[in-house]
């Protein structure tokens, strides 16, 4: 089955993303809450909560290698591909981000098995 990407506008501009001092923000992409991280002038979108114990990732931090670190148990995830880089075996859902002239967009997959219902 083909998954299609639906681009959802999350902010009018990069400057309107409410990043905290930690480089993280939480926004709505349609009906889904996502966390946006910034590292080396690139934006990343990923699940708002850690897959381990549901820690709010916007309250964590970005380490020197560009990984988001959960505030609860310090599990680390690559913001680009969702891999758990601290070795616990979890996976962080993530989505592509595009900064366009008219705003910031997150690409959410549509279709697939559940697209039939």
N, C-alpha and C. Protein backbone atom coordinates (compact mmCIF):
# COMPACT_ATOMS: atom_id res chain seq x y z
N UNK A 1 0.84 -1.19 0.00
CA UNK A 1 0.00 0.00 0.00
C UNK A 1 0.87 1.24 0.00
N UNK A 2 0.46 2.23 -0.71
CA UNK A 2 1.21 3.47 -0.78
C UNK A 2 0.79 4.43 0.31
N UNK A 3 1.76 4.85 1.09
CA UNK A 3 1.51 5.91 2.06
C UNK A 3 1.75 7.23 1.35
N UNK A 4 0.87 8.16 1.56
CA UNK A 4 1.03 9.49 1.00
C UNK A 4 1.33 10.44 2.14
N UNK A 5 2.00 11.54 1.81
CA UNK A 5 2.31 12.54 2.82
C UNK A 5 1.38 13.72 2.65
N UNK A 6 0.74 14.10 3.73
CA UNK A 6 -0.09 15.29 3.78
C UNK A 6 0.67 16.34 4.58
N UNK A 7 0.96 17.48 3.96
CA UNK A 7 1.73 18.52 4.64
C UNK A 7 0.80 19.40 5.45
N UNK A 8 1.06 19.48 6.76
CA UNK A 8 0.23 20.23 7.69
C UNK A 8 1.00 21.45 8.18
N UNK A 9 0.40 22.61 8.02
CA UNK A 9 1.05 23.85 8.46
C UNK A 9 0.98 23.95 9.98
N UNK A 10 2.15 24.16 10.62
CA UNK A 10 2.19 24.24 12.08
C UNK A 10 2.55 25.64 12.59
N UNK A 11 3.07 26.50 11.70
CA UNK A 11 3.42 27.87 12.08
C UNK A 11 3.50 28.73 10.82
N UNK A 12 3.27 30.01 11.00
CA UNK A 12 3.32 30.96 9.87
C UNK A 12 4.75 31.18 9.38
N UNK A 13 5.73 31.01 10.27
CA UNK A 13 7.13 31.16 9.91
C UNK A 13 7.98 30.44 10.95
N UNK A 14 9.23 30.26 10.64
CA UNK A 14 10.16 29.62 11.58
C UNK A 14 10.25 30.44 12.88
N UNK A 15 10.21 31.76 12.74
CA UNK A 15 10.31 32.65 13.90
C UNK A 15 9.10 32.53 14.84
N UNK A 16 7.98 32.03 14.33
CA UNK A 16 6.78 31.88 15.16
C UNK A 16 6.73 30.55 15.92
N UNK A 17 7.66 29.65 15.65
CA UNK A 17 7.71 28.40 16.42
C UNK A 17 8.19 28.77 17.82
N UNK A 18 7.40 28.43 18.86
CA UNK A 18 7.72 28.88 20.23
C UNK A 18 8.81 28.06 20.91
N UNK A 19 10.03 28.10 20.35
CA UNK A 19 11.13 27.35 20.94
C UNK A 19 11.48 27.88 22.32
N UNK A 20 11.73 26.95 23.24
CA UNK A 20 12.25 27.32 24.54
C UNK A 20 13.76 27.47 24.44
N UNK A 21 14.39 27.79 25.54
CA UNK A 21 15.85 27.93 25.56
C UNK A 21 16.53 26.61 25.19
N UNK A 22 15.81 25.50 25.34
CA UNK A 22 16.35 24.18 25.04
C UNK A 22 16.24 23.81 23.56
N UNK A 23 15.69 24.70 22.71
CA UNK A 23 15.56 24.42 21.29
C UNK A 23 14.41 23.50 20.94
N UNK A 24 13.45 23.34 21.87
CA UNK A 24 12.31 22.46 21.66
C UNK A 24 10.99 23.22 21.81
N UNK A 25 9.99 22.80 21.01
CA UNK A 25 8.66 23.40 21.08
C UNK A 25 7.63 22.29 20.86
N UNK A 26 6.44 22.52 21.34
CA UNK A 26 5.34 21.58 21.14
C UNK A 26 4.24 22.29 20.38
N UNK A 27 3.78 21.69 19.28
CA UNK A 27 2.76 22.28 18.42
C UNK A 27 1.75 21.22 18.01
N UNK A 28 0.63 21.68 17.48
CA UNK A 28 -0.36 20.78 16.92
C UNK A 28 -0.15 20.69 15.42
N UNK A 29 -0.10 19.47 14.89
CA UNK A 29 -0.06 19.22 13.45
C UNK A 29 -1.38 18.53 13.14
N UNK A 30 -2.37 19.32 12.78
CA UNK A 30 -3.73 18.77 12.64
C UNK A 30 -4.24 18.41 14.01
N UNK A 31 -4.57 17.14 14.22
CA UNK A 31 -5.07 16.69 15.53
C UNK A 31 -3.99 15.97 16.34
N UNK A 32 -2.74 16.03 15.89
CA UNK A 32 -1.64 15.34 16.57
C UNK A 32 -0.68 16.34 17.19
N UNK A 33 -0.36 16.13 18.46
CA UNK A 33 0.62 16.96 19.15
C UNK A 33 2.01 16.46 18.79
N UNK A 34 2.87 17.37 18.30
CA UNK A 34 4.23 17.01 17.93
C UNK A 34 5.23 17.92 18.62
N UNK A 35 6.43 17.44 18.74
CA UNK A 35 7.53 18.24 19.27
C UNK A 35 8.39 18.64 18.07
N UNK A 36 8.83 19.89 18.06
CA UNK A 36 9.72 20.39 17.02
C UNK A 36 11.05 20.72 17.70
N UNK A 37 12.13 20.22 17.13
CA UNK A 37 13.45 20.51 17.65
C UNK A 37 14.28 21.21 16.60
N UNK A 38 15.20 22.05 17.03
CA UNK A 38 16.10 22.72 16.10
C UNK A 38 17.53 22.43 16.49
N UNK A 39 18.32 22.06 15.48
CA UNK A 39 19.73 21.76 15.69
C UNK A 39 20.49 22.12 14.42
N UNK A 40 21.55 22.92 14.56
CA UNK A 40 22.36 23.37 13.43
C UNK A 40 21.48 23.92 12.30
N UNK A 41 20.54 24.78 12.66
CA UNK A 41 19.67 25.48 11.72
C UNK A 41 18.71 24.57 10.95
N UNK A 42 18.53 23.33 11.42
CA UNK A 42 17.59 22.40 10.79
C UNK A 42 16.46 22.11 11.77
N UNK A 43 15.25 21.92 11.25
CA UNK A 43 14.09 21.60 12.09
C UNK A 43 13.74 20.13 11.96
N UNK A 44 13.30 19.54 13.07
CA UNK A 44 12.90 18.14 13.12
C UNK A 44 11.57 18.04 13.85
N UNK A 45 10.71 17.13 13.41
CA UNK A 45 9.42 16.90 14.07
C UNK A 45 9.38 15.45 14.55
N UNK A 46 8.91 15.27 15.78
CA UNK A 46 8.85 13.93 16.35
C UNK A 46 7.75 13.89 17.41
N UNK A 47 7.47 12.70 17.91
CA UNK A 47 6.41 12.52 18.90
C UNK A 47 6.63 13.43 20.10
N UNK A 48 5.54 13.93 20.65
CA UNK A 48 5.61 14.84 21.79
C UNK A 48 6.03 14.14 23.08
N UNK A 49 5.78 12.81 23.15
CA UNK A 49 6.10 12.06 24.36
C UNK A 49 7.08 10.94 24.07
N UNK A 50 7.94 10.69 25.03
CA UNK A 50 8.91 9.60 24.93
C UNK A 50 8.17 8.26 24.88
N UNK A 51 8.60 7.34 24.00
CA UNK A 51 7.93 6.04 23.91
C UNK A 51 8.17 5.14 25.13
N UNK A 52 9.11 5.49 25.99
CA UNK A 52 9.40 4.68 27.17
C UNK A 52 8.40 4.92 28.29
N UNK A 53 8.35 6.15 28.81
CA UNK A 53 7.50 6.44 29.97
C UNK A 53 6.68 7.72 29.77
N UNK A 54 6.50 8.12 28.52
CA UNK A 54 5.65 9.27 28.16
C UNK A 54 6.12 10.61 28.71
N UNK A 55 7.42 10.76 28.92
CA UNK A 55 7.94 12.06 29.32
C UNK A 55 7.73 13.08 28.21
N UNK A 56 7.37 14.30 28.55
CA UNK A 56 7.16 15.35 27.56
C UNK A 56 8.52 15.81 27.04
N UNK A 57 8.80 15.51 25.78
CA UNK A 57 10.12 15.79 25.22
C UNK A 57 10.43 17.28 25.15
N UNK A 58 9.41 18.13 25.08
CA UNK A 58 9.67 19.57 25.05
C UNK A 58 10.33 20.05 26.35
N UNK A 59 10.24 19.24 27.41
CA UNK A 59 10.86 19.57 28.69
C UNK A 59 12.27 18.98 28.82
N UNK A 60 12.71 18.26 27.79
CA UNK A 60 14.05 17.69 27.80
C UNK A 60 15.06 18.67 27.24
N UNK A 61 16.05 18.15 26.56
CA UNK A 61 17.05 19.02 25.94
C UNK A 61 17.65 18.33 24.74
N UNK A 62 18.40 19.08 23.95
CA UNK A 62 19.12 18.55 22.80
C UNK A 62 20.59 18.48 23.17
N UNK A 63 21.18 17.29 23.04
CA UNK A 63 22.59 17.14 23.43
C UNK A 63 23.53 17.67 22.34
N UNK A 64 24.81 17.60 22.59
CA UNK A 64 25.82 18.15 21.68
C UNK A 64 25.85 17.46 20.32
N UNK A 65 25.29 16.26 20.22
CA UNK A 65 25.27 15.52 18.96
C UNK A 65 23.96 15.70 18.20
N UNK A 66 23.03 16.47 18.77
CA UNK A 66 21.76 16.71 18.10
C UNK A 66 20.68 15.70 18.41
N UNK A 67 20.82 14.99 19.52
CA UNK A 67 19.80 14.04 19.96
C UNK A 67 18.89 14.70 20.98
N UNK A 68 17.59 14.37 20.92
CA UNK A 68 16.69 14.86 21.95
C UNK A 68 16.79 13.90 23.14
N UNK A 69 16.83 14.48 24.34
CA UNK A 69 17.00 13.70 25.56
C UNK A 69 15.75 13.85 26.42
N UNK A 70 15.15 12.72 26.77
CA UNK A 70 13.93 12.73 27.59
C UNK A 70 14.24 13.24 29.00
N UNK A 71 13.36 14.09 29.54
CA UNK A 71 13.61 14.63 30.88
C UNK A 71 13.43 13.61 32.01
N UNK A 72 12.73 12.51 31.76
CA UNK A 72 12.47 11.55 32.85
C UNK A 72 13.64 10.61 33.13
N UNK A 73 14.08 9.88 32.11
CA UNK A 73 15.11 8.86 32.32
C UNK A 73 16.34 9.05 31.44
N UNK A 74 16.41 10.18 30.76
CA UNK A 74 17.56 10.56 29.92
C UNK A 74 17.78 9.64 28.72
N UNK A 75 16.71 8.99 28.24
CA UNK A 75 16.83 8.23 27.00
C UNK A 75 17.06 9.22 25.88
N UNK A 76 17.93 8.85 24.93
CA UNK A 76 18.29 9.75 23.84
C UNK A 76 17.80 9.20 22.51
N UNK A 77 17.29 10.12 21.67
CA UNK A 77 16.78 9.74 20.35
C UNK A 77 17.33 10.68 19.29
N UNK A 78 17.71 10.11 18.15
CA UNK A 78 18.14 10.90 17.01
C UNK A 78 16.89 11.61 16.46
N UNK A 79 16.94 12.93 16.37
CA UNK A 79 15.78 13.68 15.89
C UNK A 79 15.53 13.44 14.40
N UNK A 80 16.55 13.04 13.67
CA UNK A 80 16.42 12.85 12.23
C UNK A 80 15.73 11.54 11.86
N UNK A 81 16.06 10.45 12.58
CA UNK A 81 15.51 9.15 12.19
C UNK A 81 14.77 8.42 13.30
N UNK A 82 14.69 8.98 14.49
CA UNK A 82 13.94 8.38 15.58
C UNK A 82 14.64 7.26 16.34
N UNK A 83 15.86 6.92 15.93
CA UNK A 83 16.55 5.82 16.60
C UNK A 83 16.94 6.18 18.03
N UNK A 84 16.79 5.19 18.89
CA UNK A 84 17.18 5.33 20.29
C UNK A 84 18.70 5.11 20.34
N UNK A 85 19.46 6.18 20.60
CA UNK A 85 20.92 6.10 20.55
C UNK A 85 21.56 5.81 21.90
N UNK A 86 20.75 5.72 22.96
CA UNK A 86 21.32 5.40 24.27
C UNK A 86 21.18 3.91 24.60
N UNK A 87 20.64 3.11 23.65
CA UNK A 87 20.70 1.66 23.76
C UNK A 87 19.52 0.93 24.37
N UNK A 88 18.43 1.60 24.66
CA UNK A 88 17.30 0.91 25.31
C UNK A 88 16.38 0.20 24.32
N UNK A 89 16.51 0.49 23.02
CA UNK A 89 15.74 -0.24 22.01
C UNK A 89 14.41 0.38 21.62
N UNK A 90 14.11 1.56 22.08
CA UNK A 90 12.85 2.21 21.71
C UNK A 90 13.01 2.95 20.38
N UNK A 91 11.90 3.36 19.80
CA UNK A 91 11.89 4.10 18.55
C UNK A 91 10.96 5.30 18.71
N UNK A 92 11.43 6.46 18.30
CA UNK A 92 10.66 7.70 18.40
C UNK A 92 10.05 8.02 17.05
N UNK A 93 8.73 8.08 17.00
CA UNK A 93 8.03 8.44 15.76
C UNK A 93 8.50 9.83 15.34
N UNK A 94 8.76 10.00 14.03
CA UNK A 94 9.23 11.29 13.53
C UNK A 94 8.63 11.57 12.16
N UNK A 95 8.66 12.84 11.76
CA UNK A 95 8.08 13.27 10.49
C UNK A 95 8.98 14.30 9.84
N UNK A 96 8.92 14.41 8.50
CA UNK A 96 9.71 15.44 7.82
C UNK A 96 9.15 16.84 8.08
N UNK A 97 10.03 17.83 8.00
CA UNK A 97 9.64 19.23 8.18
C UNK A 97 10.12 20.01 6.96
N UNK A 98 9.26 20.91 6.49
CA UNK A 98 9.64 21.83 5.40
C UNK A 98 9.35 23.25 5.84
N UNK A 99 10.34 24.12 5.64
CA UNK A 99 10.13 25.54 5.87
C UNK A 99 9.92 26.15 4.49
N UNK A 100 8.72 26.70 4.28
CA UNK A 100 8.36 27.29 2.99
C UNK A 100 8.16 28.79 3.17
N UNK A 101 7.98 29.48 2.07
CA UNK A 101 7.78 30.93 2.10
C UNK A 101 6.53 31.30 2.92
N UNK A 102 5.54 30.41 2.93
CA UNK A 102 4.29 30.73 3.63
C UNK A 102 4.14 30.03 4.98
N UNK A 103 5.19 29.36 5.47
CA UNK A 103 5.08 28.75 6.78
C UNK A 103 5.94 27.52 6.98
N UNK A 104 5.76 26.91 8.16
CA UNK A 104 6.47 25.68 8.53
C UNK A 104 5.46 24.53 8.45
N UNK A 105 5.85 23.46 7.76
CA UNK A 105 4.97 22.32 7.53
C UNK A 105 5.59 21.03 8.05
N UNK A 106 4.72 20.15 8.56
CA UNK A 106 5.13 18.81 8.98
C UNK A 106 4.42 17.82 8.07
N UNK A 107 5.17 16.86 7.54
CA UNK A 107 4.60 15.86 6.64
C UNK A 107 4.08 14.66 7.41
N UNK A 108 2.77 14.51 7.42
CA UNK A 108 2.13 13.40 8.13
C UNK A 108 1.70 12.35 7.10
N UNK A 109 2.00 11.08 7.37
CA UNK A 109 1.62 10.02 6.45
C UNK A 109 0.12 9.76 6.52
N UNK A 110 -0.45 9.55 5.36
CA UNK A 110 -1.87 9.18 5.26
C UNK A 110 -1.94 7.91 4.44
N UNK A 111 -3.06 7.24 4.48
CA UNK A 111 -3.20 6.00 3.72
C UNK A 111 -2.72 4.83 4.54
N UNK A 112 -2.16 3.84 3.88
CA UNK A 112 -1.75 2.62 4.57
C UNK A 112 -2.95 1.80 4.97
N UNK A 113 -2.79 0.84 5.81
CA UNK A 113 -3.86 -0.08 6.20
C UNK A 113 -5.06 0.63 6.77
N UNK A 114 -4.82 1.58 7.68
CA UNK A 114 -5.95 2.25 8.33
C UNK A 114 -6.61 3.26 7.42
N UNK A 115 -6.00 3.60 6.28
CA UNK A 115 -6.62 4.47 5.31
C UNK A 115 -7.82 3.85 4.64
N UNK A 116 -7.97 2.53 4.77
CA UNK A 116 -9.10 1.83 4.16
C UNK A 116 -10.39 2.00 4.96
N UNK A 117 -10.30 2.42 6.18
CA UNK A 117 -11.49 2.51 7.05
C UNK A 117 -11.98 3.93 7.16
